[in-house]
Structure formats: C-alpha cells, structure tokens
Amino acid sequence: MINHSYTNAAGQTRSREIQPKVGELNIDPAHPIEVWSFDAGRFADFHNTSRRMFIVTLSGELEIGYKDGSTRRLGPGDVHLEDDVTGEGHTIRVTSSEPRVAVVIPLTQEWPDVPNS
C-alpha cells in the first residue's frame, strides 16, 4: 500500500492508502529522478508539492501533517504519492534523529479516481 496525499474537490488536502496498478502512473521523462535529504528536526509549514511524484524513504522518518489534524509517518521502505499540487497543502517534519533520505520519482499525471471527501 502507498500513502497518497491529494486535493479533493473542496480544495482540502487529504490522505488515503492506495494500491496502484501497473501503468496507471508514468514517470515524467522531463524531470530527473532525485535523492533528497532533510536534516533531523526539519519542519516545513503548510505547502503544496511542486509536481506529482512518488517519494520512497530510504532512511530516517518523516511525519506529514494535514489541516484536519491527521498525520502520516513514513519510514524506510515506505512509498508516498505526493499529489496535492493545489489546495491547502500539508506540513512535513523529520521525526528521526538522523536525516530523512528519499528517492523522488516525478510523474506525468494525477492519480485517477480522487475522492471528493
């Protein structure tokens, strides 16, 4: 399962678990695959993602926060589909004592079947 941050029809960023099917999302050849590293304790207030992407955590732990008060924790091996390019956005906080390192894979299209709530 993959954690999916998305923007619903009301412009609210929400989170859900999804199971993607092969071929539903494609890697964007116009953007390189990157490795990101965020220092322990790093916090970023509410923001949107710059583009749709899969993020695979290699080490460290990250907490994603949503306006409704819910949070998701991602650790090594967890995959996150970042899809909230509009709307109210989300926060991030590195909760581990070590940096959070992740592989970022840009995608060409949004996830199909985004719920309204």
C-alpha atoms as a PDB file:
ATOM      1  CA  MET A   1       0.000   0.000   0.000  1.00  0.00           C
ATOM      2  CA  ILE A   2       1.040   3.563  -0.690  1.00  0.00           C
ATOM      3  CA  ASN A   3       0.149   6.706   1.252  1.00  0.00           C
ATOM      4  CA  HIS A   4      -1.480   9.234  -1.126  1.00  0.00           C
ATOM      5  CA  SER A   5      -1.730  12.970  -0.349  1.00  0.00           C
ATOM      6  CA  TYR A   6      -4.296  14.503  -2.689  1.00  0.00           C
ATOM      7  CA  THR A   7      -6.524  17.563  -3.058  1.00  0.00           C
ATOM      8  CA  ASN A   8     -10.272  16.898  -3.050  1.00  0.00           C
ATOM      9  CA  ALA A   9     -12.942  18.885  -4.919  1.00  0.00           C
ATOM     10  CA  ALA A  10     -13.254  21.315  -1.972  1.00  0.00           C
ATOM     11  CA  GLY A  11      -9.520  22.164  -2.159  1.00  0.00           C
ATOM     12  CA  GLN A  12      -8.683  20.226   1.021  1.00  0.00           C
ATOM     13  CA  THR A  13      -5.540  18.105   1.196  1.00  0.00           C
ATOM     14  CA  ARG A  14      -6.334  14.617   2.456  1.00  0.00           C
ATOM     15  CA  SER A  15      -4.544  11.300   2.859  1.00  0.00           C
ATOM     16  CA  ARG A  16      -5.570   7.772   1.953  1.00  0.00           C
ATOM     17  CA  GLU A  17      -3.991   4.397   1.304  1.00  0.00           C
ATOM     18  CA  ILE A  18      -3.974   3.184  -2.304  1.00  0.00           C
ATOM     19  CA  GLN A  19      -2.770   0.170  -4.252  1.00  0.00           C
ATOM     20  CA  PRO A  20      -1.635   1.355  -7.700  1.00  0.00           C
ATOM     21  CA  LYS A  21      -1.985  -0.824 -10.762  1.00  0.00           C
ATOM     22  CA  VAL A  22       0.825  -1.165 -13.265  1.00  0.00           C
ATOM     23  CA  GLY A  23       0.589   1.519 -15.948  1.00  0.00           C
ATOM     24  CA  GLU A  24      -1.741   3.917 -14.080  1.00  0.00           C
ATOM     25  CA  LEU A  25       1.049   6.442 -13.450  1.00  0.00           C
ATOM     26  CA  ASN A  26       4.073   7.101 -15.612  1.00  0.00           C
ATOM     27  CA  ILE A  27       7.492   8.535 -14.800  1.00  0.00           C
ATOM     28  CA  ASP A  28       7.962  12.033 -16.220  1.00  0.00           C
ATOM     29  CA  PRO A  29      10.968  11.971 -18.584  1.00  0.00           C
ATOM     30  CA  ALA A  30      11.194  15.780 -18.439  1.00  0.00           C
ATOM     31  CA  HIS A  31      12.274  15.712 -14.763  1.00  0.00           C
ATOM     32  CA  PRO A  32      15.165  13.696 -13.328  1.00  0.00           C
ATOM     33  CA  ILE A  33      14.846  11.191 -10.511  1.00  0.00           C
ATOM     34  CA  GLU A  34      16.441  12.845  -7.462  1.00  0.00           C
ATOM     35  CA  VAL A  35      17.664  11.958  -3.988  1.00  0.00           C
ATOM     36  CA  TRP A  36      16.573  14.379  -1.247  1.00  0.00           C
ATOM     37  CA  SER A  37      17.997  14.632   2.259  1.00  0.00           C
ATOM     38  CA  PHE A  38      16.331  16.584   5.074  1.00  0.00           C
ATOM     39  CA  ASP A  39      18.168  17.138   8.370  1.00  0.00           C
ATOM     40  CA  ALA A  40      16.811  15.747  11.630  1.00  0.00           C
ATOM     41  CA  GLY A  41      14.253  18.134  13.121  1.00  0.00           C
ATOM     42  CA  ARG A  42      13.484  19.924   9.859  1.00  0.00           C
ATOM     43  CA  PHE A  43       9.966  21.365   9.690  1.00  0.00           C
ATOM     44  CA  ALA A  44       8.156  22.940   6.743  1.00  0.00           C
ATOM     45  CA  ASP A  45       4.802  24.631   7.353  1.00  0.00           C
ATOM     46  CA  PHE A  46       1.791  24.170   5.061  1.00  0.00           C
ATOM     47  CA  HIS A  47       2.783  24.000   1.404  1.00  0.00           C
ATOM     48  CA  ASN A  48       1.844  22.202  -1.809  1.00  0.00           C
ATOM     49  CA  THR A  49       4.032  19.854  -3.756  1.00  0.00           C
ATOM     50  CA  SER A  50       5.783  21.342  -6.794  1.00  0.00           C
ATOM     51  CA  ARG A  51       4.754  18.427  -9.012  1.00  0.00           C
ATOM     52  CA  ARG A  52       3.228  14.946  -8.734  1.00  0.00           C
ATOM     53  CA  MET A  53       5.774  12.419  -7.517  1.00  0.00           C
ATOM     54  CA  PHE A  54       6.445   9.136  -5.801  1.00  0.00           C
ATOM     55  CA  ILE A  55       8.721   9.529  -2.783  1.00  0.00           C
ATOM     56  CA  VAL A  56      10.471   6.429  -1.419  1.00  0.00           C
ATOM     57  CA  THR A  57      12.011   6.800   2.041  1.00  0.00           C
ATOM     58  CA  LEU A  58      15.457   5.216   2.253  1.00  0.00           C
ATOM     59  CA  SER A  59      16.392   6.228   5.809  1.00  0.00           C
ATOM     60  CA  GLY A  60      15.069   8.377   8.627  1.00  0.00           C
ATOM     61  CA  GLU A  61      11.440   9.107   9.434  1.00  0.00           C
ATOM     62  CA  LEU A  62       9.076  11.845   8.284  1.00  0.00           C
ATOM     63  CA  GLU A  63       5.664  12.927   9.555  1.00  0.00           C
ATOM     64  CA  ILE A  64       3.201  14.556   7.147  1.00  0.00           C
ATOM     65  CA  GLY A  65       0.508  16.755   8.700  1.00  0.00           C
ATOM     66  CA  TYR A  66      -2.860  17.751   7.258  1.00  0.00           C
ATOM     67  CA  LYS A  67      -5.227  20.661   8.090  1.00  0.00           C
ATOM     68  CA  ASP A  68      -7.799  18.223   9.511  1.00  0.00           C
ATOM     69  CA  GLY A  69      -5.253  17.305  12.221  1.00  0.00           C
ATOM     70  CA  SER A  70      -4.369  13.868  10.866  1.00  0.00           C
ATOM     71  CA  THR A  71      -0.767  12.787  10.333  1.00  0.00           C
ATOM     72  CA  ARG A  72       1.100  10.016   8.498  1.00  0.00           C
ATOM     73  CA  ARG A  73       4.532   8.690   9.403  1.00  0.00           C
ATOM     74  CA  LEU A  74       6.840   7.399   6.709  1.00  0.00           C
ATOM     75  CA  GLY A  75       9.950   5.337   7.399  1.00  0.00           C
ATOM     76  CA  PRO A  76      12.465   3.282   5.430  1.00  0.00           C
ATOM     77  CA  GLY A  77      10.796   1.427   2.572  1.00  0.00           C
ATOM     78  CA  ASP A  78       7.564   3.456   2.691  1.00  0.00           C
ATOM     79  CA  VAL A  79       6.283   4.914  -0.589  1.00  0.00           C
ATOM     80  CA  HIS A  80       4.275   8.143  -0.723  1.00  0.00           C
ATOM     81  CA  LEU A  81       2.372   9.522  -3.724  1.00  0.00           C
ATOM     82  CA  GLU A  82       2.563  13.312  -3.401  1.00  0.00           C
ATOM     83  CA  ASP A  83      -0.328  14.690  -5.472  1.00  0.00           C
ATOM     84  CA  ASP A  84      -1.560  17.878  -3.749  1.00  0.00           C
ATOM     85  CA  VAL A  85      -0.272  20.458  -6.242  1.00  0.00           C
ATOM     86  CA  THR A  86      -3.238  22.729  -5.380  1.00  0.00           C
ATOM     87  CA  GLY A  87      -5.375  23.286  -2.293  1.00  0.00           C
ATOM     88  CA  GLU A  88      -4.442  23.794   1.338  1.00  0.00           C
ATOM     89  CA  GLY A  89      -1.275  21.699   1.367  1.00  0.00           C
ATOM     90  CA  HIS A  90       0.489  19.734   4.087  1.00  0.00           C
ATOM     91  CA  THR A  91       3.349  20.065   6.595  1.00  0.00           C
ATOM     92  CA  ILE A  92       6.437  17.902   6.957  1.00  0.00           C
ATOM     93  CA  ARG A  93       8.585  17.200   9.999  1.00  0.00           C
ATOM     94  CA  VAL A  94      11.617  14.924  10.220  1.00  0.00           C
ATOM     95  CA  THR A  95      10.944  12.984  13.434  1.00  0.00           C
ATOM     96  CA  SER A  96      14.019  10.739  13.424  1.00  0.00           C
ATOM     97  CA  SER A  97      17.357  11.660  14.995  1.00  0.00           C
ATOM     98  CA  GLU A  98      19.003  11.002  11.647  1.00  0.00           C
ATOM     99  CA  PRO A  99      18.376  12.765   8.322  1.00  0.00           C
ATOM    100  CA  ARG A 100      15.483  11.574   6.210  1.00  0.00           C
ATOM    101  CA  VAL A 101      16.794  10.465   2.818  1.00  0.00           C
ATOM    102  CA  ALA A 102      14.384   9.685  -0.025  1.00  0.00           C
ATOM    103  CA  VAL A 103      14.294   8.967  -3.743  1.00  0.00           C
ATOM    104  CA  VAL A 104      11.911  11.267  -5.638  1.00  0.00           C
ATOM    105  CA  ILE A 105      10.349   9.999  -8.886  1.00  0.00           C
ATOM    106  CA  PRO A 106       8.409  12.656 -10.883  1.00  0.00           C
ATOM    107  CA  LEU A 107       5.143  11.545 -12.511  1.00  0.00           C
ATOM    108  CA  THR A 108       3.284  12.702 -15.630  1.00  0.00           C
ATOM    109  CA  GLN A 109      -0.318  12.615 -14.439  1.00  0.00           C
ATOM    110  CA  GLU A 110      -2.528  12.751 -11.372  1.00  0.00           C
ATOM    111  CA  TRP A 111      -3.905   9.665  -9.703  1.00  0.00           C
ATOM    112  CA  PRO A 112      -7.228   8.598 -11.210  1.00  0.00           C
ATOM    113  CA  ASP A 113     -10.358   8.401  -9.074  1.00  0.00           C
ATOM    114  CA  VAL A 114      -9.590  11.107  -6.495  1.00  0.00           C
ATOM    115  CA  PRO A 115     -12.378  11.091  -3.886  1.00  0.00           C
ATOM    116  CA  ASN A 116     -14.480  14.184  -3.115  1.00  0.00           C
ATOM    117  CA  SER A 117     -14.039  13.958   0.650  1.00  0.00           C
END
